[in-house]
Amino acid sequence: MTKVQAVELFKESMIPTVSATHERFGRKDVGARREAWAFFTDGLCRDGQITDRQYMNWATPKCCE
């Protein structure tokens, strides 16, 4: 899986949940988004969908800022 694919999957599957759970009044919860990204990529790595190198080197995407 490429980072582009991972970010798209994250936006589709995780951002709506983070937004509904942690964000109010149109304000992004940057900490919650970053934590969700960390857990998401950890899961991808543990499932063998990305390599350890990808996991260690991918920066947090702009959708988490």
PDB file of N, CA and C in Angstrom:
ATOM      1  N   MET A   1       0.848  -1.165   0.000  1.00  0.00           N
ATOM      2  CA  MET A   1       0.000   0.000   0.000  1.00  0.00           C
ATOM      3  C   MET A   1       0.902   1.239   0.000  1.00  0.00           C
ATOM      4  N   THR A   2       0.521   2.198  -0.791  1.00  0.00           N
ATOM      5  CA  THR A   2       1.275   3.449  -0.830  1.00  0.00           C
ATOM      6  C   THR A   2       0.740   4.402   0.229  1.00  0.00           C
ATOM      7  N   LYS A   3       1.493   5.458   0.498  1.00  0.00           N
ATOM      8  CA  LYS A   3       1.018   6.445   1.470  1.00  0.00           C
ATOM      9  C   LYS A   3      -0.232   7.147   0.952  1.00  0.00           C
ATOM     10  N   VAL A   4      -0.271   7.432  -0.326  1.00  0.00           N
ATOM     11  CA  VAL A   4      -1.450   8.083  -0.912  1.00  0.00           C
ATOM     12  C   VAL A   4      -2.691   7.221  -0.667  1.00  0.00           C
ATOM     13  N   GLN A   5      -2.567   5.924  -0.892  1.00  0.00           N
ATOM     14  CA  GLN A   5      -3.688   5.012  -0.652  1.00  0.00           C
ATOM     15  C   GLN A   5      -4.064   4.986   0.831  1.00  0.00           C
ATOM     16  N   ALA A   6      -3.061   4.969   1.693  1.00  0.00           N
ATOM     17  CA  ALA A   6      -3.317   4.927   3.134  1.00  0.00           C
ATOM     18  C   ALA A   6      -4.023   6.200   3.600  1.00  0.00           C
ATOM     19  N   VAL A   7      -3.592   7.340   3.112  1.00  0.00           N
ATOM     20  CA  VAL A   7      -4.216   8.610   3.509  1.00  0.00           C
ATOM     21  C   VAL A   7      -5.666   8.651   3.037  1.00  0.00           C
ATOM     22  N   GLU A   8      -5.923   8.202   1.824  1.00  0.00           N
ATOM     23  CA  GLU A   8      -7.305   8.189   1.324  1.00  0.00           C
ATOM     24  C   GLU A   8      -8.184   7.268   2.172  1.00  0.00           C
ATOM     25  N   LEU A   9      -7.673   6.093   2.507  1.00  0.00           N
ATOM     26  CA  LEU A   9      -8.417   5.164   3.348  1.00  0.00           C
ATOM     27  C   LEU A   9      -8.651   5.766   4.734  1.00  0.00           C
ATOM     28  N   PHE A  10      -7.648   6.426   5.272  1.00  0.00           N
ATOM     29  CA  PHE A  10      -7.768   7.085   6.570  1.00  0.00           C
ATOM     30  C   PHE A  10      -8.842   8.172   6.525  1.00  0.00           C
ATOM     31  N   LYS A  11      -8.821   8.976   5.483  1.00  0.00           N
ATOM     32  CA  LYS A  11      -9.831  10.045   5.348  1.00  0.00           C
ATOM     33  C   LYS A  11     -11.235   9.470   5.256  1.00  0.00           C
ATOM     34  N   GLU A  12     -11.380   8.384   4.551  1.00  0.00           N
ATOM     35  CA  GLU A  12     -12.703   7.770   4.367  1.00  0.00           C
ATOM     36  C   GLU A  12     -13.188   7.034   5.616  1.00  0.00           C
ATOM     37  N   SER A  13     -12.275   6.356   6.293  1.00  0.00           N
ATOM     38  CA  SER A  13     -12.701   5.482   7.379  1.00  0.00           C
ATOM     39  C   SER A  13     -12.516   6.049   8.778  1.00  0.00           C
ATOM     40  N   MET A  14     -11.541   6.918   8.973  1.00  0.00           N
ATOM     41  CA  MET A  14     -11.237   7.371  10.327  1.00  0.00           C
ATOM     42  C   MET A  14     -11.638   8.811  10.618  1.00  0.00           C
ATOM     43  N   ILE A  15     -11.445   9.709   9.661  1.00  0.00           N
ATOM     44  CA  ILE A  15     -11.741  11.127   9.911  1.00  0.00           C
ATOM     45  C   ILE A  15     -13.206  11.341  10.310  1.00  0.00           C
ATOM     46  N   PRO A  16     -14.178  10.698   9.667  1.00  0.00           N
ATOM     47  CA  PRO A  16     -15.565  10.912  10.113  1.00  0.00           C
ATOM     48  C   PRO A  16     -15.796  10.517  11.575  1.00  0.00           C
ATOM     49  N   THR A  17     -15.172   9.441  12.016  1.00  0.00           N
ATOM     50  CA  THR A  17     -15.318   8.993  13.398  1.00  0.00           C
ATOM     51  C   THR A  17     -14.643   9.971  14.356  1.00  0.00           C
ATOM     52  N   VAL A  18     -13.441  10.382  14.026  1.00  0.00           N
ATOM     53  CA  VAL A  18     -12.721  11.350  14.868  1.00  0.00           C
ATOM     54  C   VAL A  18     -13.506  12.651  14.945  1.00  0.00           C
ATOM     55  N   SER A  19     -13.993  13.091  13.814  1.00  0.00           N
ATOM     56  CA  SER A  19     -14.750  14.338  13.764  1.00  0.00           C
ATOM     57  C   SER A  19     -16.014  14.255  14.616  1.00  0.00           C
ATOM     58  N   ALA A  20     -16.745  13.174  14.496  1.00  0.00           N
ATOM     59  CA  ALA A  20     -17.990  13.017  15.250  1.00  0.00           C
ATOM     60  C   ALA A  20     -17.740  12.878  16.745  1.00  0.00           C
ATOM     61  N   THR A  21     -16.615  12.284  17.100  1.00  0.00           N
ATOM     62  CA  THR A  21     -16.327  12.007  18.497  1.00  0.00           C
ATOM     63  C   THR A  21     -15.643  13.166  19.220  1.00  0.00           C
ATOM     64  N   HIS A  22     -14.714  13.842  18.534  1.00  0.00           N
ATOM     65  CA  HIS A  22     -13.845  14.804  19.220  1.00  0.00           C
ATOM     66  C   HIS A  22     -13.976  16.253  18.771  1.00  0.00           C
ATOM     67  N   GLU A  23     -14.621  16.508  17.673  1.00  0.00           N
ATOM     68  CA  GLU A  23     -14.607  17.867  17.130  1.00  0.00           C
ATOM     69  C   GLU A  23     -15.974  18.526  17.251  1.00  0.00           C
ATOM     70  N   ARG A  24     -15.944  19.746  17.704  1.00  0.00           N
ATOM     71  CA  ARG A  24     -17.165  20.526  17.862  1.00  0.00           C
ATOM     72  C   ARG A  24     -16.974  21.903  17.253  1.00  0.00           C
ATOM     73  N   PHE A  25     -18.056  22.469  16.809  1.00  0.00           N
ATOM     74  CA  PHE A  25     -18.085  23.844  16.303  1.00  0.00           C
ATOM     75  C   PHE A  25     -17.126  24.066  15.134  1.00  0.00           C
ATOM     76  N   GLY A  26     -16.896  23.023  14.332  1.00  0.00           N
ATOM     77  CA  GLY A  26     -16.058  23.153  13.146  1.00  0.00           C
ATOM     78  C   GLY A  26     -14.566  23.230  13.414  1.00  0.00           C
ATOM     79  N   ARG A  27     -14.155  22.980  14.643  1.00  0.00           N
ATOM     80  CA  ARG A  27     -12.731  23.031  14.989  1.00  0.00           C
ATOM     81  C   ARG A  27     -12.129  21.637  14.929  1.00  0.00           C
ATOM     82  N   LYS A  28     -11.013  21.534  14.228  1.00  0.00           N
ATOM     83  CA  LYS A  28     -10.314  20.256  14.154  1.00  0.00           C
ATOM     84  C   LYS A  28      -9.623  19.976  15.483  1.00  0.00           C
ATOM     85  N   ASP A  29      -9.676  18.735  15.916  1.00  0.00           N
ATOM     86  CA  ASP A  29      -8.923  18.293  17.083  1.00  0.00           C
ATOM     87  C   ASP A  29      -7.647  17.641  16.550  1.00  0.00           C
ATOM     88  N   VAL A  30      -6.607  18.450  16.435  1.00  0.00           N
ATOM     89  CA  VAL A  30      -5.357  18.000  15.827  1.00  0.00           C
ATOM     90  C   VAL A  30      -4.770  16.825  16.601  1.00  0.00           C
ATOM     91  N   GLY A  31      -4.817  16.888  17.905  1.00  0.00           N
ATOM     92  CA  GLY A  31      -4.273  15.798  18.716  1.00  0.00           C
ATOM     93  C   GLY A  31      -4.996  14.486  18.470  1.00  0.00           C
ATOM     94  N   ALA A  32      -6.313  14.538  18.406  1.00  0.00           N
ATOM     95  CA  ALA A  32      -7.095  13.321  18.154  1.00  0.00           C
ATOM     96  C   ALA A  32      -6.822  12.779  16.762  1.00  0.00           C
ATOM     97  N   ARG A  33      -6.692  13.668  15.789  1.00  0.00           N
ATOM     98  CA  ARG A  33      -6.404  13.221  14.421  1.00  0.00           C
ATOM     99  C   ARG A  33      -5.029  12.579  14.325  1.00  0.00           C
ATOM    100  N   ARG A  34      -4.038  13.186  14.969  1.00  0.00           N
ATOM    101  CA  ARG A  34      -2.684  12.617  14.936  1.00  0.00           C
ATOM    102  C   ARG A  34      -2.640  11.260  15.631  1.00  0.00           C
ATOM    103  N   GLU A  35      -3.330  11.166  16.758  1.00  0.00           N
ATOM    104  CA  GLU A  35      -3.372   9.899  17.474  1.00  0.00           C
ATOM    105  C   GLU A  35      -4.073   8.828  16.636  1.00  0.00           C
ATOM    106  N   ALA A  36      -5.153   9.208  15.973  1.00  0.00           N
ATOM    107  CA  ALA A  36      -5.860   8.259  15.100  1.00  0.00           C
ATOM    108  C   ALA A  36      -4.951   7.791  13.966  1.00  0.00           C
ATOM    109  N   TRP A  37      -4.169   8.710  13.387  1.00  0.00           N
ATOM    110  CA  TRP A  37      -3.232   8.347  12.321  1.00  0.00           C
ATOM    111  C   TRP A  37      -2.192   7.353  12.858  1.00  0.00           C
ATOM    112  N   ALA A  38      -1.681   7.600  14.047  1.00  0.00           N
ATOM    113  CA  ALA A  38      -0.679   6.712  14.636  1.00  0.00           C
ATOM    114  C   ALA A  38      -1.256   5.306  14.846  1.00  0.00           C
ATOM    115  N   PHE A  39      -2.460   5.231  15.394  1.00  0.00           N
ATOM    116  CA  PHE A  39      -3.096   3.927  15.593  1.00  0.00           C
ATOM    117  C   PHE A  39      -3.421   3.253  14.256  1.00  0.00           C
ATOM    118  N   PHE A  40      -3.867   4.045  13.297  1.00  0.00           N
ATOM    119  CA  PHE A  40      -4.215   3.528  11.971  1.00  0.00           C
ATOM    120  C   PHE A  40      -2.999   2.903  11.294  1.00  0.00           C
ATOM    121  N   THR A  41      -1.879   3.644  11.268  1.00  0.00           N
ATOM    122  CA  THR A  41      -0.683   3.122  10.609  1.00  0.00           C
ATOM    123  C   THR A  41      -0.089   1.952  11.381  1.00  0.00           C
ATOM    124  N   ASP A  42      -0.197   1.975  12.698  1.00  0.00           N
ATOM    125  CA  ASP A  42       0.261   0.841  13.497  1.00  0.00           C
ATOM    126  C   ASP A  42      -0.518  -0.414  13.111  1.00  0.00           C
ATOM    127  N   GLY A  43      -1.830  -0.256  12.947  1.00  0.00           N
ATOM    128  CA  GLY A  43      -2.654  -1.388  12.531  1.00  0.00           C
ATOM    129  C   GLY A  43      -2.292  -1.901  11.150  1.00  0.00           C
ATOM    130  N   LEU A  44      -2.025  -0.976  10.235  1.00  0.00           N
ATOM    131  CA  LEU A  44      -1.619  -1.378   8.888  1.00  0.00           C
ATOM    132  C   LEU A  44      -0.319  -2.179   8.937  1.00  0.00           C
ATOM    133  N   CYS A  45       0.605  -1.717   9.755  1.00  0.00           N
ATOM    134  CA  CYS A  45       1.895  -2.397   9.868  1.00  0.00           C
ATOM    135  C   CYS A  45       1.727  -3.779  10.493  1.00  0.00           C
ATOM    136  N   ARG A  46       0.965  -3.867  11.558  1.00  0.00           N
ATOM    137  CA  ARG A  46       0.751  -5.157  12.236  1.00  0.00           C
ATOM    138  C   ARG A  46       0.038  -6.163  11.333  1.00  0.00           C
ATOM    139  N   ASP A  47      -0.828  -5.648  10.451  1.00  0.00           N
ATOM    140  CA  ASP A  47      -1.550  -6.521   9.513  1.00  0.00           C
ATOM    141  C   ASP A  47      -0.733  -6.861   8.273  1.00  0.00           C
ATOM    142  N   GLY A  48       0.466  -6.276   8.162  1.00  0.00           N
ATOM    143  CA  GLY A  48       1.324  -6.552   7.019  1.00  0.00           C
ATOM    144  C   GLY A  48       0.947  -5.791   5.762  1.00  0.00           C
ATOM    145  N   GLN A  49       0.116  -4.757   5.896  1.00  0.00           N
ATOM    146  CA  GLN A  49      -0.285  -3.980   4.719  1.00  0.00           C
ATOM    147  C   GLN A  49       0.741  -2.909   4.360  1.00  0.00           C
ATOM    148  N   ILE A  50       1.557  -2.512   5.351  1.00  0.00           N
ATOM    149  CA  ILE A  50       2.688  -1.621   5.086  1.00  0.00           C
ATOM    150  C   ILE A  50       3.906  -2.203   5.799  1.00  0.00           C
ATOM    151  N   THR A  51       5.073  -1.798   5.366  1.00  0.00           N
ATOM    152  CA  THR A  51       6.308  -2.306   5.959  1.00  0.00           C
ATOM    153  C   THR A  51       6.671  -1.505   7.209  1.00  0.00           C
ATOM    154  N   ASP A  52       7.598  -2.053   7.983  1.00  0.00           N
ATOM    155  CA  ASP A  52       8.109  -1.315   9.142  1.00  0.00           C
ATOM    156  C   ASP A  52       8.737   0.000   8.712  1.00  0.00           C
ATOM    157  N   ARG A  53       9.419  -0.032   7.588  1.00  0.00           N
ATOM    158  CA  ARG A  53      10.062   1.189   7.084  1.00  0.00           C
ATOM    159  C   ARG A  53       9.022   2.263   6.758  1.00  0.00           C
ATOM    160  N   GLN A  54       7.935   1.874   6.092  1.00  0.00           N
ATOM    161  CA  GLN A  54       6.867   2.830   5.804  1.00  0.00           C
ATOM    162  C   GLN A  54       6.297   3.386   7.102  1.00  0.00           C
ATOM    163  N   TYR A  55       6.023   2.505   8.036  1.00  0.00           N
ATOM    164  CA  TYR A  55       5.446   2.905   9.316  1.00  0.00           C
ATOM    165  C   TYR A  55       6.338   3.927  10.028  1.00  0.00           C
ATOM    166  N   MET A  56       7.611   3.688  10.026  1.00  0.00           N
ATOM    167  CA  MET A  56       8.548   4.566  10.738  1.00  0.00           C
ATOM    168  C   MET A  56       8.817   5.885  10.010  1.00  0.00           C
ATOM    169  N   ASN A  57       8.624   5.913   8.696  1.00  0.00           N
ATOM    170  CA  ASN A  57       9.026   7.090   7.926  1.00  0.00           C
ATOM    171  C   ASN A  57       7.884   7.977   7.418  1.00  0.00           C
ATOM    172  N   TRP A  58       6.660   7.502   7.469  1.00  0.00           N
ATOM    173  CA  TRP A  58       5.556   8.326   6.979  1.00  0.00           C
ATOM    174  C   TRP A  58       5.245   9.450   7.962  1.00  0.00           C
ATOM    175  N   ALA A  59       5.256  10.660   7.466  1.00  0.00           N
ATOM    176  CA  ALA A  59       4.888  11.818   8.274  1.00  0.00           C
ATOM    177  C   ALA A  59       3.364  11.860   8.405  1.00  0.00           C
ATOM    178  N   THR A  60       2.899  12.568   9.406  1.00  0.00           N
ATOM    179  CA  THR A  60       1.472  12.755   9.591  1.00  0.00           C
ATOM    180  C   THR A  60       0.926  13.548   8.412  1.00  0.00           C
ATOM    181  N   PRO A  61      -0.171  13.094   7.795  1.00  0.00           N
ATOM    182  CA  PRO A  61      -0.693  13.794   6.609  1.00  0.00           C
ATOM    183  C   PRO A  61      -1.342  15.132   6.962  1.00  0.00           C
ATOM    184  N   LYS A  62      -1.505  15.951   5.945  1.00  0.00           N
ATOM    185  CA  LYS A  62      -2.076  17.300   6.116  1.00  0.00           C
ATOM    186  C   LYS A  62      -3.485  17.271   6.667  1.00  0.00           C
ATOM    187  N   CYS A  63      -4.240  16.211   6.433  1.00  0.00           N
ATOM    188  CA  CYS A  63      -5.603  16.140   6.953  1.00  0.00           C
ATOM    189  C   CYS A  63      -5.634  16.057   8.469  1.00  0.00           C
ATOM    190  N   CYS A  64      -4.479  15.844   9.086  1.00  0.00           N
ATOM    191  CA  CYS A  64      -4.396  15.788  10.545  1.00  0.00           C
ATOM    192  C   CYS A  64      -3.904  17.103  11.148  1.00  0.00           C
ATOM    193  N   GLU A  65      -3.664  18.074  10.324  1.00  0.00           N
ATOM    194  CA  GLU A  65      -3.157  19.369  10.813  1.00  0.00           C
ATOM    195  C   GLU A  65      -4.271  20.342  11.043  1.00  0.00           C
TER     196      GLU A  65
END
